Amino acid sequence: MPICISKGAREVLRLTNAFKEIKSPGTRLAVLLLIEELAQKDDPLVPKRFPPTFQRMGGD
């Protein structure tokens, strides 16, 4: 029996897989910041800062 995956879950999986392919820490951080900004525009309840457990990676 095939597993039914929602469109949103498929998109998250694709983004996660693409993110794994990014080797540069600076590029990863830029992508995270972009996603955070887009999420805030879409949902005002999204926190405006990274969670306290988030550890920023060094630049390129």
PDB file of N, CA and C in Angstrom:
ATOM      1  N   MET A   1       0.843  -1.183   0.000  1.00  0.00           N
ATOM      2  CA  MET A   1       0.000   0.000   0.000  1.00  0.00           C
ATOM      3  C   MET A   1       0.890   1.248   0.000  1.00  0.00           C
ATOM      4  N   PRO A   2       0.703   2.175  -0.953  1.00  0.00           N
ATOM      5  CA  PRO A   2       1.533   3.377  -1.013  1.00  0.00           C
ATOM      6  C   PRO A   2       1.225   4.326   0.146  1.00  0.00           C
ATOM      7  N   ILE A   3       2.245   5.048   0.560  1.00  0.00           N
ATOM      8  CA  ILE A   3       2.084   6.025   1.635  1.00  0.00           C
ATOM      9  C   ILE A   3       1.622   7.336   1.012  1.00  0.00           C
ATOM     10  N   CYS A   4       0.591   7.927   1.592  1.00  0.00           N
ATOM     11  CA  CYS A   4       0.050   9.186   1.085  1.00  0.00           C
ATOM     12  C   CYS A   4       0.725  10.342   1.835  1.00  0.00           C
ATOM     13  N   ILE A   5       1.412  11.208   1.100  1.00  0.00           N
ATOM     14  CA  ILE A   5       2.113  12.340   1.695  1.00  0.00           C
ATOM     15  C   ILE A   5       1.475  13.622   1.181  1.00  0.00           C
ATOM     16  N   SER A   6       1.180  14.526   2.100  1.00  0.00           N
ATOM     17  CA  SER A   6       0.549  15.786   1.703  1.00  0.00           C
ATOM     18  C   SER A   6       1.507  16.634   0.870  1.00  0.00           C
ATOM     19  N   LYS A   7       0.939  17.581   0.141  1.00  0.00           N
ATOM     20  CA  LYS A   7       1.745  18.462  -0.709  1.00  0.00           C
ATOM     21  C   LYS A   7       2.727  19.266   0.145  1.00  0.00           C
ATOM     22  N   GLY A   8       2.265  19.758   1.282  1.00  0.00           N
ATOM     23  CA  GLY A   8       3.140  20.531   2.171  1.00  0.00           C
ATOM     24  C   GLY A   8       4.301  19.707   2.693  1.00  0.00           C
ATOM     25  N   ALA A   9       4.025  18.462   3.071  1.00  0.00           N
ATOM     26  CA  ALA A   9       5.084  17.581   3.568  1.00  0.00           C
ATOM     27  C   ALA A   9       6.092  17.281   2.467  1.00  0.00           C
ATOM     28  N   ARG A  10       5.605  17.107   1.247  1.00  0.00           N
ATOM     29  CA  ARG A  10       6.501  16.860   0.109  1.00  0.00           C
ATOM     30  C   ARG A  10       7.419  18.053  -0.127  1.00  0.00           C
ATOM     31  N   GLU A  11       6.859  19.264  -0.018  1.00  0.00           N
ATOM     32  CA  GLU A  11       7.655  20.474  -0.218  1.00  0.00           C
ATOM     33  C   GLU A  11       8.725  20.612   0.862  1.00  0.00           C
ATOM     34  N   VAL A  12       8.358  20.311   2.100  1.00  0.00           N
ATOM     35  CA  VAL A  12       9.327  20.378   3.198  1.00  0.00           C
ATOM     36  C   VAL A  12      10.436  19.362   2.982  1.00  0.00           C
ATOM     37  N   LEU A  13      10.081  18.169   2.549  1.00  0.00           N
ATOM     38  CA  LEU A  13      11.074  17.130   2.282  1.00  0.00           C
ATOM     39  C   LEU A  13      12.024  17.565   1.162  1.00  0.00           C
ATOM     40  N   ARG A  14      11.484  18.161   0.115  1.00  0.00           N
ATOM     41  CA  ARG A  14      12.331  18.641  -0.988  1.00  0.00           C
ATOM     42  C   ARG A  14      13.276  19.738  -0.514  1.00  0.00           C
ATOM     43  N   LEU A  15      12.767  20.678   0.291  1.00  0.00           N
ATOM     44  CA  LEU A  15      13.614  21.745   0.820  1.00  0.00           C
ATOM     45  C   LEU A  15      14.706  21.186   1.725  1.00  0.00           C
ATOM     46  N   THR A  16      14.338  20.220   2.563  1.00  0.00           N
ATOM     47  CA  THR A  16      15.312  19.600   3.464  1.00  0.00           C
ATOM     48  C   THR A  16      16.410  18.909   2.681  1.00  0.00           C
ATOM     49  N   ASN A  17      16.034  18.157   1.669  1.00  0.00           N
ATOM     50  CA  ASN A  17      17.030  17.462   0.849  1.00  0.00           C
ATOM     51  C   ASN A  17      17.928  18.452   0.111  1.00  0.00           C
ATOM     52  N   ALA A  18      17.351  19.529  -0.399  1.00  0.00           N
ATOM     53  CA  ALA A  18      18.150  20.544  -1.091  1.00  0.00           C
ATOM     54  C   ALA A  18      19.100  21.231  -0.113  1.00  0.00           C
ATOM     55  N   PHE A  19      18.617  21.499   1.106  1.00  0.00           N
ATOM     56  CA  PHE A  19      19.445  22.158   2.116  1.00  0.00           C
ATOM     57  C   PHE A  19      20.657  21.304   2.469  1.00  0.00           C
ATOM     58  N   LYS A  20      20.482  19.994   2.513  1.00  0.00           N
ATOM     59  CA  LYS A  20      21.590  19.078   2.827  1.00  0.00           C
ATOM     60  C   LYS A  20      22.700  19.165   1.789  1.00  0.00           C
ATOM     61  N   GLU A  21      22.350  19.549   0.565  1.00  0.00           N
ATOM     62  CA  GLU A  21      23.333  19.620  -0.516  1.00  0.00           C
ATOM     63  C   GLU A  21      24.200  20.884  -0.439  1.00  0.00           C
ATOM     64  N   ILE A  22      23.773  21.877   0.333  1.00  0.00           N
ATOM     65  CA  ILE A  22      24.533  23.127   0.451  1.00  0.00           C
ATOM     66  C   ILE A  22      25.727  22.878   1.364  1.00  0.00           C
ATOM     67  N   LYS A  23      26.916  23.076   0.849  1.00  0.00           N
ATOM     68  CA  LYS A  23      28.140  22.791   1.612  1.00  0.00           C
ATOM     69  C   LYS A  23      28.654  24.011   2.379  1.00  0.00           C
ATOM     70  N   SER A  24      28.403  25.195   1.870  1.00  0.00           N
ATOM     71  CA  SER A  24      28.937  26.415   2.473  1.00  0.00           C
ATOM     72  C   SER A  24      28.105  26.843   3.685  1.00  0.00           C
ATOM     73  N   PRO A  25      28.737  26.994   4.867  1.00  0.00           N
ATOM     74  CA  PRO A  25      28.000  27.448   6.050  1.00  0.00           C
ATOM     75  C   PRO A  25      27.362  28.825   5.838  1.00  0.00           C
ATOM     76  N   GLY A  26      28.056  29.712   5.115  1.00  0.00           N
ATOM     77  CA  GLY A  26      27.500  31.043   4.861  1.00  0.00           C
ATOM     78  C   GLY A  26      26.244  30.982   4.011  1.00  0.00           C
ATOM     79  N   THR A  27      26.244  30.111   3.016  1.00  0.00           N
ATOM     80  CA  THR A  27      25.067  29.948   2.161  1.00  0.00           C
ATOM     81  C   THR A  27      23.927  29.328   2.955  1.00  0.00           C
ATOM     82  N   ARG A  28      24.250  28.358   3.807  1.00  0.00           N
ATOM     83  CA  ARG A  28      23.210  27.749   4.656  1.00  0.00           C
ATOM     84  C   ARG A  28      22.555  28.808   5.534  1.00  0.00           C
ATOM     85  N   LEU A  29      23.371  29.661   6.138  1.00  0.00           N
ATOM     86  CA  LEU A  29      22.830  30.708   7.003  1.00  0.00           C
ATOM     87  C   LEU A  29      21.956  31.665   6.199  1.00  0.00           C
ATOM     88  N   ALA A  30      22.398  32.035   5.002  1.00  0.00           N
ATOM     89  CA  ALA A  30      21.610  32.933   4.155  1.00  0.00           C
ATOM     90  C   ALA A  30      20.258  32.315   3.816  1.00  0.00           C
ATOM     91  N   VAL A  31      20.246  31.020   3.523  1.00  0.00           N
ATOM     92  CA  VAL A  31      18.991  30.330   3.213  1.00  0.00           C
ATOM     93  C   VAL A  31      18.089  30.308   4.444  1.00  0.00           C
ATOM     94  N   LEU A  32      18.657  30.028   5.620  1.00  0.00           N
ATOM     95  CA  LEU A  32      17.857  30.024   6.848  1.00  0.00           C
ATOM     96  C   LEU A  32      17.246  31.396   7.116  1.00  0.00           C
ATOM     97  N   LEU A  33      18.033  32.446   6.924  1.00  0.00           N
ATOM     98  CA  LEU A  33      17.520  33.798   7.144  1.00  0.00           C
ATOM     99  C   LEU A  33      16.402  34.132   6.164  1.00  0.00           C
ATOM    100  N   LEU A  34      16.553  33.715   4.917  1.00  0.00           N
ATOM    101  CA  LEU A  34      15.520  33.952   3.913  1.00  0.00           C
ATOM    102  C   LEU A  34      14.234  33.212   4.275  1.00  0.00           C
ATOM    103  N   ILE A  35      14.359  31.952   4.678  1.00  0.00           N
ATOM    104  CA  ILE A  35      13.180  31.169   5.064  1.00  0.00           C
ATOM    105  C   ILE A  35      12.500  31.807   6.264  1.00  0.00           C
ATOM    106  N   GLU A  36      13.292  32.254   7.244  1.00  0.00           N
ATOM    107  CA  GLU A  36      12.723  32.902   8.424  1.00  0.00           C
ATOM    108  C   GLU A  36      11.959  34.167   8.026  1.00  0.00           C
ATOM    109  N   GLU A  37      12.540  34.970   7.140  1.00  0.00           N
ATOM    110  CA  GLU A  37      11.887  36.202   6.695  1.00  0.00           C
ATOM    111  C   GLU A  37      10.580  35.901   5.961  1.00  0.00           C
ATOM    112  N   LEU A  38      10.602  34.916   5.078  1.00  0.00           N
ATOM    113  CA  LEU A  38       9.390  34.549   4.344  1.00  0.00           C
ATOM    114  C   LEU A  38       8.319  34.008   5.284  1.00  0.00           C
ATOM    115  N   ALA A  39       8.724  33.235   6.278  1.00  0.00           N
ATOM    116  CA  ALA A  39       7.765  32.687   7.237  1.00  0.00           C
ATOM    117  C   ALA A  39       7.123  33.807   8.045  1.00  0.00           C
ATOM    118  N   GLN A  40       7.888  34.819   8.414  1.00  0.00           N
ATOM    119  CA  GLN A  40       7.342  35.939   9.177  1.00  0.00           C
ATOM    120  C   GLN A  40       6.336  36.726   8.350  1.00  0.00           C
ATOM    121  N   LYS A  41       6.604  36.883   7.067  1.00  0.00           N
ATOM    122  CA  LYS A  41       5.664  37.600   6.199  1.00  0.00           C
ATOM    123  C   LYS A  41       4.373  36.814   6.043  1.00  0.00           C
ATOM    124  N   ASP A  42       4.489  35.488   6.046  1.00  0.00           N
ATOM    125  CA  ASP A  42       3.329  34.625   5.867  1.00  0.00           C
ATOM    126  C   ASP A  42       2.542  34.459   7.161  1.00  0.00           C
ATOM    127  N   ASP A  43       3.234  34.435   8.302  1.00  0.00           N
ATOM    128  CA  ASP A  43       2.585  34.178   9.585  1.00  0.00           C
ATOM    129  C   ASP A  43       3.188  35.086  10.648  1.00  0.00           C
ATOM    130  N   PRO A  44       2.456  36.098  11.090  1.00  0.00           N
ATOM    131  CA  PRO A  44       3.008  37.034  12.073  1.00  0.00           C
ATOM    132  C   PRO A  44       3.302  36.397  13.429  1.00  0.00           C
ATOM    133  N   LEU A  45       2.841  35.178  13.680  1.00  0.00           N
ATOM    134  CA  LEU A  45       3.083  34.528  14.965  1.00  0.00           C
ATOM    135  C   LEU A  45       4.427  33.811  15.021  1.00  0.00           C
ATOM    136  N   VAL A  46       5.133  33.748  13.901  1.00  0.00           N
ATOM    137  CA  VAL A  46       6.452  33.107  13.879  1.00  0.00           C
ATOM    138  C   VAL A  46       7.413  33.986  14.665  1.00  0.00           C
ATOM    139  N   PRO A  47       8.238  33.397  15.551  1.00  0.00           N
ATOM    140  CA  PRO A  47       9.185  34.209  16.332  1.00  0.00           C
ATOM    141  C   PRO A  47      10.098  35.034  15.426  1.00  0.00           C
ATOM    142  N   LYS A  48      10.430  36.228  15.880  1.00  0.00           N
ATOM    143  CA  LYS A  48      11.246  37.121  15.071  1.00  0.00           C
ATOM    144  C   LYS A  48      12.736  36.841  15.215  1.00  0.00           C
ATOM    145  N   ARG A  49      13.124  36.055  16.172  1.00  0.00           N
ATOM    146  CA  ARG A  49      14.530  35.722  16.400  1.00  0.00           C
ATOM    147  C   ARG A  49      14.711  34.218  16.364  1.00  0.00           C
ATOM    148  N   PHE A  50      15.959  33.814  16.194  1.00  0.00           N
ATOM    149  CA  PHE A  50      16.263  32.395  16.261  1.00  0.00           C
ATOM    150  C   PHE A  50      16.021  31.909  17.687  1.00  0.00           C
ATOM    151  N   PRO A  51      15.618  30.654  17.861  1.00  0.00           N
ATOM    152  CA  PRO A  51      15.454  30.126  19.215  1.00  0.00           C
ATOM    153  C   PRO A  51      16.792  30.158  19.950  1.00  0.00           C
ATOM    154  N   PRO A  52      16.773  30.216  21.298  1.00  0.00           N
ATOM    155  CA  PRO A  52      18.022  30.320  22.059  1.00  0.00           C
ATOM    156  C   PRO A  52      18.973  29.151  21.819  1.00  0.00           C
ATOM    157  N   THR A  53      18.451  28.007  21.403  1.00  0.00           N
ATOM    158  CA  THR A  53      19.309  26.846  21.182  1.00  0.00           C
ATOM    159  C   THR A  53      19.972  26.874  19.815  1.00  0.00           C
ATOM    160  N   PHE A  54      19.563  27.804  18.942  1.00  0.00           N
ATOM    161  CA  PHE A  54      20.136  27.885  17.596  1.00  0.00           C
ATOM    162  C   PHE A  54      21.558  28.404  17.684  1.00  0.00           C
ATOM    163  N   GLN A  55      22.483  27.713  17.042  1.00  0.00           N
ATOM    164  CA  GLN A  55      23.876  28.136  17.048  1.00  0.00           C
ATOM    165  C   GLN A  55      24.256  28.571  15.646  1.00  0.00           C
ATOM    166  N   ARG A  56      24.615  29.825  15.497  1.00  0.00           N
ATOM    167  CA  ARG A  56      25.024  30.323  14.188  1.00  0.00           C
ATOM    168  C   ARG A  56      26.367  29.718  13.808  1.00  0.00           C
ATOM    169  N   MET A  57      26.478  29.405  12.522  1.00  0.00           N
ATOM    170  CA  MET A  57      27.735  28.868  12.012  1.00  0.00           C
ATOM    171  C   MET A  57      28.615  30.032  11.564  1.00  0.00           C
ATOM    172  N   GLY A  58      29.921  29.805  11.510  1.00  0.00           N
ATOM    173  CA  GLY A  58      30.848  30.837  11.050  1.00  0.00           C
ATOM    174  C   GLY A  58      30.622  31.162   9.589  1.00  0.00           C
ATOM    175  N   GLY A  59      31.049  32.321   9.161  1.00  0.00           N
ATOM    176  CA  GLY A  59      30.905  32.726   7.764  1.00  0.00           C
ATOM    177  C   GLY A  59      31.848  31.962   6.858  1.00  0.00           C
ATOM    178  N   ASP A  60      31.740  32.253   5.563  1.00  0.00           N
ATOM    179  CA  ASP A  60      32.607  31.581   4.582  1.00  0.00           C
ATOM    180  C   ASP A  60      34.054  31.980   4.757  1.00  0.00           C
TER     181      ASP A  60
END
